PDB file of N, CA and C in Angstrom:
ATOM      1  N   MET A   1     -14.990  17.876   8.234  1.00  0.00           N
ATOM      2  CA  MET A   1     -13.899  17.527   9.110  1.00  0.00           C
ATOM      3  C   MET A   1     -14.481  17.109  10.416  1.00  0.00           C
ATOM      4  N   GLN A   2     -14.096  15.915  10.874  1.00  0.00           N
ATOM      5  CA  GLN A   2     -14.528  15.435  12.183  1.00  0.00           C
ATOM      6  C   GLN A   2     -13.511  15.788  13.203  1.00  0.00           C
ATOM      7  N   ILE A   3     -13.984  16.233  14.408  1.00  0.00           N
ATOM      8  CA  ILE A   3     -13.085  16.647  15.424  1.00  0.00           C
ATOM      9  C   ILE A   3     -13.385  15.744  16.691  1.00  0.00           C
ATOM     10  N   PHE A   4     -12.424  15.169  17.311  1.00  0.00           N
ATOM     11  CA  PHE A   4     -12.586  14.317  18.478  1.00  0.00           C
ATOM     12  C   PHE A   4     -11.708  14.759  19.571  1.00  0.00           C
ATOM     13  N   THR A   5     -12.194  14.709  20.809  1.00  0.00           N
ATOM     14  CA  THR A   5     -11.286  14.897  21.969  1.00  0.00           C
ATOM     15  C   THR A   5     -10.738  13.605  22.459  1.00  0.00           C
ATOM     16  N   ILE A   6     -11.178  12.515  21.884  1.00  0.00           N
ATOM     17  CA  ILE A   6     -10.700  11.181  22.291  1.00  0.00           C
ATOM     18  C   ILE A   6      -9.474  10.871  21.354  1.00  0.00           C
ATOM     19  N   ASN A   7      -8.717   9.769  21.715  1.00  0.00           N
ATOM     20  CA  ASN A   7      -7.518   9.479  20.924  1.00  0.00           C
ATOM     21  C   ASN A   7      -7.725   8.565  19.785  1.00  0.00           C
ATOM     22  N   TYR A   8      -8.946   8.381  19.341  1.00  0.00           N
ATOM     23  CA  TYR A   8      -9.248   7.469  18.266  1.00  0.00           C
ATOM     24  C   TYR A   8     -10.651   7.896  17.593  1.00  0.00           C
ATOM     25  N   VAL A   9     -10.861   7.317  16.428  1.00  0.00           N
ATOM     26  CA  VAL A   9     -12.178   7.454  15.730  1.00  0.00           C
ATOM     27  C   VAL A   9     -12.887   6.192  15.861  1.00  0.00           C
ATOM     28  N   PRO A  10     -13.969   6.192  16.508  1.00  0.00           N
ATOM     29  CA  PRO A  10     -14.775   4.880  16.781  1.00  0.00           C
ATOM     30  C   PRO A  10     -15.090   4.171  15.413  1.00  0.00           C
ATOM     31  N   GLY A  11     -14.706   2.916  15.345  1.00  0.00           N
ATOM     32  CA  GLY A  11     -15.044   2.128  14.118  1.00  0.00           C
ATOM     33  C   GLY A  11     -14.073   2.475  12.922  1.00  0.00           C
ATOM     34  N   LYS A  12     -13.099   3.240  13.110  1.00  0.00           N
ATOM     35  CA  LYS A  12     -12.205   3.543  12.015  1.00  0.00           C
ATOM     36  C   LYS A  12     -10.736   3.163  12.325  1.00  0.00           C
ATOM     37  N   GLU A  13     -10.009   2.738  11.314  1.00  0.00           N
ATOM     38  CA  GLU A  13      -8.536   2.562  11.516  1.00  0.00           C
ATOM     39  C   GLU A  13      -7.940   3.869  10.933  1.00  0.00           C
ATOM     40  N   ILE A  14      -6.969   4.408  11.706  1.00  0.00           N
ATOM     41  CA  ILE A  14      -6.428   5.681  11.328  1.00  0.00           C
ATOM     42  C   ILE A  14      -4.939   5.674  11.139  1.00  0.00           C
ATOM     43  N   GLU A  15      -4.449   6.660  10.463  1.00  0.00           N
ATOM     44  CA  GLU A  15      -3.045   6.849  10.196  1.00  0.00           C
ATOM     45  C   GLU A  15      -2.765   8.353  10.648  1.00  0.00           C
ATOM     46  N   ALA A  16      -1.800   8.482  11.576  1.00  0.00           N
ATOM     47  CA  ALA A  16      -1.513   9.849  12.090  1.00  0.00           C
ATOM     48  C   ALA A  16      -0.774  10.625  10.986  1.00  0.00           C
ATOM     49  N   ILE A  17      -1.135  11.857  10.766  1.00  0.00           N
ATOM     50  CA  ILE A  17      -0.463  12.777   9.854  1.00  0.00           C
ATOM     51  C   ILE A  17       0.473  13.666  10.634  1.00  0.00           C
ATOM     52  N   GLY A  18       0.011  14.225  11.689  1.00  0.00           N
ATOM     53  CA  GLY A  18       0.873  15.074  12.587  1.00  0.00           C
ATOM     54  C   GLY A  18      -0.056  16.117  13.347  1.00  0.00           C
ATOM     55  N   LEU A  19       0.737  16.871  14.078  1.00  0.00           N
ATOM     56  CA  LEU A  19       0.140  17.877  14.872  1.00  0.00           C
ATOM     57  C   LEU A  19      -0.328  19.004  14.082  1.00  0.00           C
ATOM     58  N   VAL A  20      -1.567  19.547  14.412  1.00  0.00           N
ATOM     59  CA  VAL A  20      -2.075  20.712  13.720  1.00  0.00           C
ATOM     60  C   VAL A  20      -2.585  21.719  14.802  1.00  0.00           C
ATOM     61  N   THR A  21      -2.383  23.023  14.555  1.00  0.00           N
ATOM     62  CA  THR A  21      -2.669  23.974  15.541  1.00  0.00           C
ATOM     63  C   THR A  21      -3.422  25.143  14.887  1.00  0.00           C
ATOM     64  N   GLY A  22      -4.036  25.936  15.627  1.00  0.00           N
ATOM     65  CA  GLY A  22      -4.726  27.165  15.284  1.00  0.00           C
ATOM     66  C   GLY A  22      -4.709  28.080  16.501  1.00  0.00           C
ATOM     67  N   ASN A  23      -4.368  29.313  16.326  1.00  0.00           N
ATOM     68  CA  ASN A  23      -4.396  30.192  17.440  1.00  0.00           C
ATOM     69  C   ASN A  23      -4.831  31.643  17.043  1.00  0.00           C
ATOM     70  N   VAL A  24      -5.241  32.326  18.054  1.00  0.00           N
ATOM     71  CA  VAL A  24      -5.568  33.749  17.871  1.00  0.00           C
ATOM     72  C   VAL A  24      -5.281  34.480  19.127  1.00  0.00           C
ATOM     73  N   VAL A  25      -4.799  35.719  19.062  1.00  0.00           N
ATOM     74  CA  VAL A  25      -4.560  36.599  20.198  1.00  0.00           C
ATOM     75  C   VAL A  25      -5.496  37.765  20.035  1.00  0.00           C
ATOM     76  N   GLN A  26      -6.335  38.001  21.033  1.00  0.00           N
ATOM     77  CA  GLN A  26      -7.235  39.050  20.924  1.00  0.00           C
ATOM     78  C   GLN A  26      -7.074  40.007  22.109  1.00  0.00           C
ATOM     79  N   ALA A  27      -7.265  41.333  21.923  1.00  0.00           N
ATOM     80  CA  ALA A  27      -7.170  42.342  22.911  1.00  0.00           C
ATOM     81  C   ALA A  27      -8.572  42.692  23.459  1.00  0.00           C
ATOM     82  N   LYS A  28      -8.602  43.163  24.646  1.00  0.00           N
ATOM     83  CA  LYS A  28      -9.846  43.708  25.152  1.00  0.00           C
ATOM     84  C   LYS A  28     -10.196  45.015  24.587  1.00  0.00           C
ATOM     85  N   HIS A  29     -11.430  45.333  24.441  1.00  0.00           N
ATOM     86  CA  HIS A  29     -11.952  46.626  23.921  1.00  0.00           C
ATOM     87  C   HIS A  29     -12.080  47.496  25.171  1.00  0.00           C
ATOM     88  N   ILE A  30     -11.726  48.741  24.959  1.00  0.00           N
ATOM     89  CA  ILE A  30     -11.832  49.707  26.166  1.00  0.00           C
ATOM     90  C   ILE A  30     -13.250  49.865  26.746  1.00  0.00           C
ATOM     91  N   GLY A  31     -14.254  49.725  25.853  1.00  0.00           N
ATOM     92  CA  GLY A  31     -15.633  49.765  26.335  1.00  0.00           C
ATOM     93  C   GLY A  31     -15.892  48.543  27.158  1.00  0.00           C
ATOM     94  N   ARG A  32     -15.346  47.401  26.699  1.00  0.00           N
ATOM     95  CA  ARG A  32     -15.629  46.119  27.452  1.00  0.00           C
ATOM     96  C   ARG A  32     -14.841  46.200  28.767  1.00  0.00           C
ATOM     97  N   ASP A  33     -13.713  46.809  28.781  1.00  0.00           N
ATOM     98  CA  ASP A  33     -12.983  46.894  30.078  1.00  0.00           C
ATOM     99  C   ASP A  33     -13.736  47.776  31.050  1.00  0.00           C
ATOM    100  N   LEU A  34     -14.328  48.881  30.527  1.00  0.00           N
ATOM    101  CA  LEU A  34     -15.060  49.740  31.494  1.00  0.00           C
ATOM    102  C   LEU A  34     -16.217  49.021  32.121  1.00  0.00           C
ATOM    103  N   MET A  35     -16.991  48.262  31.282  1.00  0.00           N
ATOM    104  CA  MET A  35     -18.137  47.569  31.752  1.00  0.00           C
ATOM    105  C   MET A  35     -17.653  46.397  32.654  1.00  0.00           C
ATOM    106  N   ALA A  36     -16.543  45.752  32.314  1.00  0.00           N
ATOM    107  CA  ALA A  36     -16.032  44.685  33.210  1.00  0.00           C
ATOM    108  C   ALA A  36     -15.636  45.270  34.551  1.00  0.00           C
ATOM    109  N   GLY A  37     -15.096  46.395  34.508  1.00  0.00           N
ATOM    110  CA  GLY A  37     -14.628  46.979  35.854  1.00  0.00           C
ATOM    111  C   GLY A  37     -15.853  47.195  36.749  1.00  0.00           C
ATOM    112  N   LEU A  38     -17.018  47.708  36.159  1.00  0.00           N
ATOM    113  CA  LEU A  38     -18.134  47.927  36.930  1.00  0.00           C
ATOM    114  C   LEU A  38     -18.717  46.599  37.404  1.00  0.00           C
ATOM    115  N   LYS A  39     -18.715  45.539  36.542  1.00  0.00           N
ATOM    116  CA  LYS A  39     -19.209  44.259  36.880  1.00  0.00           C
ATOM    117  C   LYS A  39     -18.390  43.560  37.898  1.00  0.00           C
ATOM    118  N   ASN A  40     -17.124  43.830  37.936  1.00  0.00           N
ATOM    119  CA  ASN A  40     -16.217  43.301  38.897  1.00  0.00           C
ATOM    120  C   ASN A  40     -16.574  43.796  40.341  1.00  0.00           C
ATOM    121  N   ILE A  41     -17.078  44.990  40.403  1.00  0.00           N
ATOM    122  CA  ILE A  41     -17.463  45.541  41.687  1.00  0.00           C
ATOM    123  C   ILE A  41     -18.765  44.880  42.203  1.00  0.00           C
ATOM    124  N   ALA A  42     -19.697  44.707  41.233  1.00  0.00           N
ATOM    125  CA  ALA A  42     -20.936  44.145  41.627  1.00  0.00           C
ATOM    126  C   ALA A  42     -21.008  42.584  41.618  1.00  0.00           C
ATOM    127  N   GLY A  43     -20.093  42.006  40.901  1.00  0.00           N
ATOM    128  CA  GLY A  43     -19.962  40.528  40.857  1.00  0.00           C
ATOM    129  C   GLY A  43     -20.784  39.933  39.730  1.00  0.00           C
ATOM    130  N   GLY A  44     -20.580  38.716  39.396  1.00  0.00           N
ATOM    131  CA  GLY A  44     -21.322  37.986  38.406  1.00  0.00           C
ATOM    132  C   GLY A  44     -20.535  37.835  37.122  1.00  0.00           C
ATOM    133  N   GLU A  45     -21.101  37.214  36.081  1.00  0.00           N
ATOM    134  CA  GLU A  45     -20.436  36.972  34.810  1.00  0.00           C
ATOM    135  C   GLU A  45     -20.098  38.237  34.019  1.00  0.00           C
ATOM    136  N   ILE A  46     -18.976  38.258  33.471  1.00  0.00           N
ATOM    137  CA  ILE A  46     -18.727  39.374  32.521  1.00  0.00           C
ATOM    138  C   ILE A  46     -18.974  38.877  31.176  1.00  0.00           C
ATOM    139  N   VAL A  47     -20.176  39.049  30.627  1.00  0.00           N
ATOM    140  CA  VAL A  47     -20.690  38.535  29.437  1.00  0.00           C
ATOM    141  C   VAL A  47     -19.822  38.912  28.174  1.00  0.00           C
ATOM    142  N   SER A  48     -19.411  40.164  28.166  1.00  0.00           N
ATOM    143  CA  SER A  48     -18.550  40.529  27.042  1.00  0.00           C
ATOM    144  C   SER A  48     -17.310  39.766  26.891  1.00  0.00           C
ATOM    145  N   TYR A  49     -16.652  39.507  28.042  1.00  0.00           N
ATOM    146  CA  TYR A  49     -15.388  38.689  27.991  1.00  0.00           C
ATOM    147  C   TYR A  49     -15.736  37.158  27.616  1.00  0.00           C
ATOM    148  N   THR A  50     -16.863  36.664  28.159  1.00  0.00           N
ATOM    149  CA  THR A  50     -17.269  35.340  27.710  1.00  0.00           C
ATOM    150  C   THR A  50     -17.474  35.266  26.221  1.00  0.00           C
ATOM    151  N   ASP A  51     -18.125  36.197  25.720  1.00  0.00           N
ATOM    152  CA  ASP A  51     -18.397  36.251  24.273  1.00  0.00           C
ATOM    153  C   ASP A  51     -17.082  36.388  23.440  1.00  0.00           C
ATOM    154  N   LEU A  52     -16.102  37.208  23.989  1.00  0.00           N
ATOM    155  CA  LEU A  52     -14.806  37.386  23.340  1.00  0.00           C
ATOM    156  C   LEU A  52     -14.082  36.041  23.286  1.00  0.00           C
ATOM    157  N   LEU A  53     -14.068  35.310  24.395  1.00  0.00           N
ATOM    158  CA  LEU A  53     -13.349  34.118  24.464  1.00  0.00           C
ATOM    159  C   LEU A  53     -14.039  32.972  23.620  1.00  0.00           C
ATOM    160  N   ASN A  54     -15.369  32.976  23.627  1.00  0.00           N
ATOM    161  CA  ASN A  54     -16.128  32.061  22.763  1.00  0.00           C
ATOM    162  C   ASN A  54     -15.699  32.284  21.273  1.00  0.00           C
ATOM    163  N   GLU A  55     -15.723  33.572  20.849  1.00  0.00           N
ATOM    164  CA  GLU A  55     -15.374  33.968  19.495  1.00  0.00           C
ATOM    165  C   GLU A  55     -13.912  33.489  19.150  1.00  0.00           C
ATOM    166  N   SER A  56     -13.038  33.732  20.138  1.00  0.00           N
ATOM    167  CA  SER A  56     -11.649  33.340  19.946  1.00  0.00           C
ATOM    168  C   SER A  56     -11.511  31.771  19.765  1.00  0.00           C
ATOM    169  N   ARG A  57     -12.237  31.010  20.581  1.00  0.00           N
ATOM    170  CA  ARG A  57     -12.146  29.572  20.450  1.00  0.00           C
ATOM    171  C   ARG A  57     -12.606  29.127  19.026  1.00  0.00           C
ATOM    172  N   VAL A  58     -13.628  29.734  18.498  1.00  0.00           N
ATOM    173  CA  VAL A  58     -14.149  29.409  17.135  1.00  0.00           C
ATOM    174  C   VAL A  58     -13.085  29.769  16.096  1.00  0.00           C
ATOM    175  N   ILE A  59     -12.484  30.914  16.220  1.00  0.00           N
ATOM    176  CA  ILE A  59     -11.435  31.304  15.264  1.00  0.00           C
ATOM    177  C   ILE A  59     -10.222  30.306  15.317  1.00  0.00           C
ATOM    178  N   ALA A  60      -9.803  30.061  16.554  1.00  0.00           N
ATOM    179  CA  ALA A  60      -8.640  29.042  16.676  1.00  0.00           C
ATOM    180  C   ALA A  60      -9.027  27.701  16.200  1.00  0.00           C
ATOM    181  N   ARG A  61     -10.191  27.215  16.464  1.00  0.00           N
ATOM    182  CA  ARG A  61     -10.596  25.934  15.943  1.00  0.00           C
ATOM    183  C   ARG A  61     -10.626  25.897  14.431  1.00  0.00           C
ATOM    184  N   ASP A  62     -11.231  26.873  13.892  1.00  0.00           N
ATOM    185  CA  ASP A  62     -11.359  26.965  12.357  1.00  0.00           C
ATOM    186  C   ASP A  62      -9.984  27.039  11.683  1.00  0.00           C
ATOM    187  N   ARG A  63      -9.024  27.714  12.356  1.00  0.00           N
ATOM    188  CA  ARG A  63      -7.606  27.726  11.798  1.00  0.00           C
ATOM    189  C   ARG A  63      -6.978  26.331  11.864  1.00  0.00           C
ATOM    190  N   MET A  64      -7.238  25.672  12.973  1.00  0.00           N
ATOM    191  CA  MET A  64      -6.668  24.313  13.157  1.00  0.00           C
ATOM    192  C   MET A  64      -7.326  23.387  12.080  1.00  0.00           C
ATOM    193  N   ILE A  65      -8.526  23.544  11.908  1.00  0.00           N
ATOM    194  CA  ILE A  65      -9.240  22.693  10.865  1.00  0.00           C
ATOM    195  C   ILE A  65      -8.685  22.972   9.554  1.00  0.00           C
ATOM    196  N   ALA A  66      -8.471  24.177   9.125  1.00  0.00           N
ATOM    197  CA  ALA A  66      -7.835  24.645   7.833  1.00  0.00           C
ATOM    198  C   ALA A  66      -6.550  23.981   7.687  1.00  0.00           C
ATOM    199  N   GLU A  67      -5.747  24.002   8.680  1.00  0.00           N
ATOM    200  CA  GLU A  67      -4.376  23.360   8.613  1.00  0.00           C
ATOM    201  C   GLU A  67      -4.526  21.835   8.378  1.00  0.00           C
ATOM    202  N   ALA A  68      -5.450  21.235   9.080  1.00  0.00           N
ATOM    203  CA  ALA A  68      -5.677  19.758   8.938  1.00  0.00           C
ATOM    204  C   ALA A  68      -6.133  19.467   7.460  1.00  0.00           C
ATOM    205  N   GLU A  69      -7.060  20.248   6.997  1.00  0.00           N
ATOM    206  CA  GLU A  69      -7.580  20.135   5.612  1.00  0.00           C
ATOM    207  C   GLU A  69      -6.409  20.257   4.512  1.00  0.00           C
ATOM    208  N   SER A  70      -5.522  21.236   4.774  1.00  0.00           N
ATOM    209  CA  SER A  70      -4.438  21.456   3.892  1.00  0.00           C
ATOM    210  C   SER A  70      -3.479  20.266   3.885  1.00  0.00           C
ATOM    211  N   LEU A  71      -3.492  19.399   4.913  1.00  0.00           N
ATOM    212  CA  LEU A  71      -2.677  18.215   4.982  1.00  0.00           C
ATOM    213  C   LEU A  71      -3.410  16.959   4.469  1.00  0.00           C
ATOM    214  N   GLY A  72      -4.604  17.142   3.987  1.00  0.00           N
ATOM    215  CA  GLY A  72      -5.479  16.044   3.551  1.00  0.00           C
ATOM    216  C   GLY A  72      -6.041  15.169   4.653  1.00  0.00           C
ATOM    217  N   ALA A  73      -6.188  15.698   5.780  1.00  0.00           N
ATOM    218  CA  ALA A  73      -6.711  14.903   7.007  1.00  0.00           C
ATOM    219  C   ALA A  73      -8.239  14.732   6.809  1.00  0.00           C
ATOM    220  N   ASP A  74      -8.638  13.638   7.399  1.00  0.00           N
ATOM    221  CA  ASP A  74     -10.087  13.260   7.434  1.00  0.00           C
ATOM    222  C   ASP A  74     -10.682  13.709   8.765  1.00  0.00           C
ATOM    223  N   ALA A  75      -9.863  13.789   9.794  1.00  0.00           N
ATOM    224  CA  ALA A  75     -10.324  14.102  11.150  1.00  0.00           C
ATOM    225  C   ALA A  75      -9.153  14.647  11.986  1.00  0.00           C
ATOM    226  N   VAL A  76      -9.502  15.230  13.118  1.00  0.00           N
ATOM    227  CA  VAL A  76      -8.504  15.648  14.073  1.00  0.00           C
ATOM    228  C   VAL A  76      -8.898  14.950  15.433  1.00  0.00           C
ATOM    229  N   ILE A  77      -7.943  14.191  15.988  1.00  0.00           N
ATOM    230  CA  ILE A  77      -8.146  13.553  17.275  1.00  0.00           C
ATOM    231  C   ILE A  77      -7.371  14.273  18.409  1.00  0.00           C
ATOM    232  N   SER A  78      -7.719  13.898  19.549  1.00  0.00           N
ATOM    233  CA  SER A  78      -7.066  14.479  20.845  1.00  0.00           C
ATOM    234  C   SER A  78      -7.066  15.984  20.776  1.00  0.00           C
ATOM    235  N   MET A  79      -8.133  16.575  20.249  1.00  0.00           N
ATOM    236  CA  MET A  79      -8.283  18.016  20.167  1.00  0.00           C
ATOM    237  C   MET A  79      -8.421  18.620  21.475  1.00  0.00           C
ATOM    238  N   ARG A  80      -7.641  19.725  21.774  1.00  0.00           N
ATOM    239  CA  ARG A  80      -7.677  20.509  23.023  1.00  0.00           C
ATOM    240  C   ARG A  80      -7.569  21.997  22.792  1.00  0.00           C
ATOM    241  N   PHE A  81      -7.993  22.703  23.844  1.00  0.00           N
ATOM    242  CA  PHE A  81      -7.833  24.162  23.801  1.00  0.00           C
ATOM    243  C   PHE A  81      -6.850  24.502  24.924  1.00  0.00           C
ATOM    244  N   ASP A  82      -6.123  25.587  24.696  1.00  0.00           N
ATOM    245  CA  ASP A  82      -5.251  26.142  25.744  1.00  0.00           C
ATOM    246  C   ASP A  82      -5.352  27.587  25.729  1.00  0.00           C
ATOM    247  N   ALA A  83      -5.132  28.180  26.804  1.00  0.00           N
ATOM    248  CA  ALA A  83      -5.273  29.727  26.870  1.00  0.00           C
ATOM    249  C   ALA A  83      -4.074  30.264  27.645  1.00  0.00           C
ATOM    250  N   ALA A  84      -3.624  31.453  27.214  1.00  0.00           N
ATOM    251  CA  ALA A  84      -2.535  32.138  27.950  1.00  0.00           C
ATOM    252  C   ALA A  84      -2.688  33.682  27.745  1.00  0.00           C
ATOM    253  N   SER A  85      -2.105  34.326  28.640  1.00  0.00           N
ATOM    254  CA  SER A  85      -2.056  35.829  28.605  1.00  0.00           C
ATOM    255  C   SER A  85      -0.682  36.156  27.978  1.00  0.00           C
ATOM    256  N   ILE A  86      -0.694  36.937  26.820  1.00  0.00           N
ATOM    257  CA  ILE A  86       0.536  37.279  26.193  1.00  0.00           C
ATOM    258  C   ILE A  86       1.079  38.535  26.748  1.00  0.00           C
ATOM    259  N   MET A  87       0.216  39.481  26.976  1.00  0.00           N
ATOM    260  CA  MET A  87       0.546  40.752  27.659  1.00  0.00           C
ATOM    261  C   MET A  87      -0.726  41.249  28.310  1.00  0.00           C
ATOM    262  N   GLU A  88      -0.626  42.250  29.161  1.00  0.00           N
ATOM    263  CA  GLU A  88      -1.726  42.776  29.806  1.00  0.00           C
ATOM    264  C   GLU A  88      -2.778  43.186  28.848  1.00  0.00           C
ATOM    265  N   GLY A  89      -4.054  42.694  29.010  1.00  0.00           N
ATOM    266  CA  GLY A  89      -5.137  43.183  28.142  1.00  0.00           C
ATOM    267  C   GLY A  89      -5.333  42.261  26.932  1.00  0.00           C
ATOM    268  N   THR A  90      -4.481  41.191  26.775  1.00  0.00           N
ATOM    269  CA  THR A  90      -4.706  40.250  25.651  1.00  0.00           C
ATOM    270  C   THR A  90      -4.805  38.807  26.149  1.00  0.00           C
ATOM    271  N   SER A  91      -5.337  38.015  25.271  1.00  0.00           N
ATOM    272  CA  SER A  91      -5.282  36.592  25.636  1.00  0.00           C
ATOM    273  C   SER A  91      -5.137  35.774  24.332  1.00  0.00           C
ATOM    274  N   GLU A  92      -4.410  34.609  24.454  1.00  0.00           N
ATOM    275  CA  GLU A  92      -4.266  33.786  23.256  1.00  0.00           C
ATOM    276  C   GLU A  92      -5.067  32.486  23.544  1.00  0.00           C
ATOM    277  N   ILE A  93      -5.739  32.123  22.576  1.00  0.00           N
ATOM    278  CA  ILE A  93      -6.480  30.787  22.545  1.00  0.00           C
ATOM    279  C   ILE A  93      -5.797  29.913  21.500  1.00  0.00           C
ATOM    280  N   LEU A  94      -5.390  28.780  21.866  1.00  0.00           N
ATOM    281  CA  LEU A  94      -4.728  27.758  21.031  1.00  0.00           C
ATOM    282  C   LEU A  94      -5.576  26.591  20.955  1.00  0.00           C
ATOM    283  N   ALA A  95      -5.870  26.133  19.698  1.00  0.00           N
ATOM    284  CA  ALA A  95      -6.592  24.832  19.510  1.00  0.00           C
ATOM    285  C   ALA A  95      -5.473  23.889  18.883  1.00  0.00           C
ATOM    286  N   TYR A  96      -5.421  22.643  19.349  1.00  0.00           N
ATOM    287  CA  TYR A  96      -4.422  21.727  18.769  1.00  0.00           C
ATOM    288  C   TYR A  96      -4.950  20.305  18.877  1.00  0.00           C
ATOM    289  N   GLY A  97      -4.333  19.500  17.986  1.00  0.00           N
ATOM    290  CA  GLY A  97      -4.717  18.096  17.988  1.00  0.00           C
ATOM    291  C   GLY A  97      -3.881  17.330  16.965  1.00  0.00           C
ATOM    292  N   THR A  98      -4.214  16.094  16.769  1.00  0.00           N
ATOM    293  CA  THR A  98      -3.500  15.297  15.728  1.00  0.00           C
ATOM    294  C   THR A  98      -4.369  15.038  14.529  1.00  0.00           C
ATOM    295  N   ALA A  99      -3.825  15.430  13.415  1.00  0.00           N
ATOM    296  CA  ALA A  99      -4.480  15.169  12.182  1.00  0.00           C
ATOM    297  C   ALA A  99      -4.354  13.741  11.749  1.00  0.00           C
ATOM    298  N   VAL A 100      -5.492  13.116  11.323  1.00  0.00           N
ATOM    299  CA  VAL A 100      -5.398  11.687  10.959  1.00  0.00           C
ATOM    300  C   VAL A 100      -6.097  11.485   9.631  1.00  0.00           C
ATOM    301  N   LYS A 101      -5.725  10.467   8.961  1.00  0.00           N
ATOM    302  CA  LYS A 101      -6.307   9.939   7.691  1.00  0.00           C
ATOM    303  C   LYS A 101      -6.963   8.625   7.961  1.00  0.00           C
ATOM    304  N   PHE A 102      -8.160   8.395   7.412  1.00  0.00           N
ATOM    305  CA  PHE A 102      -8.800   7.064   7.525  1.00  0.00           C
ATOM    306  C   PHE A 102      -8.072   6.141   6.553  1.00  0.00           C
ATOM    307  N   LYS A 103      -7.889   4.930   7.026  1.00  0.00           N
ATOM    308  CA  LYS A 103      -7.311   3.870   6.212  1.00  0.00           C
ATOM    309  C   LYS A 103      -8.439   3.174   5.463  1.00  0.00           C
TER     310      LYS A 103
END
């Protein structure tokens, strides 16, 4: 599956199938929160949260790709990520784009 952040596939004529999405909501781990609190005092990157969000993006992207594949898509164009806080201590990562078929 090819994924593009641009609105076309270079050198290909495409037919839009429709919107595809993938999301995940993950909660912070109490151990991560403890360490993050200490890091917040000292400053700097909170690596455990960076890792959590990276993992979340991979899960959301993979779910989006699975949806596109189930529709018979050859690629996803205009792919984007979005993030939101659902409730305290959680975050949602949403991957979305337009599934397309090559002509």
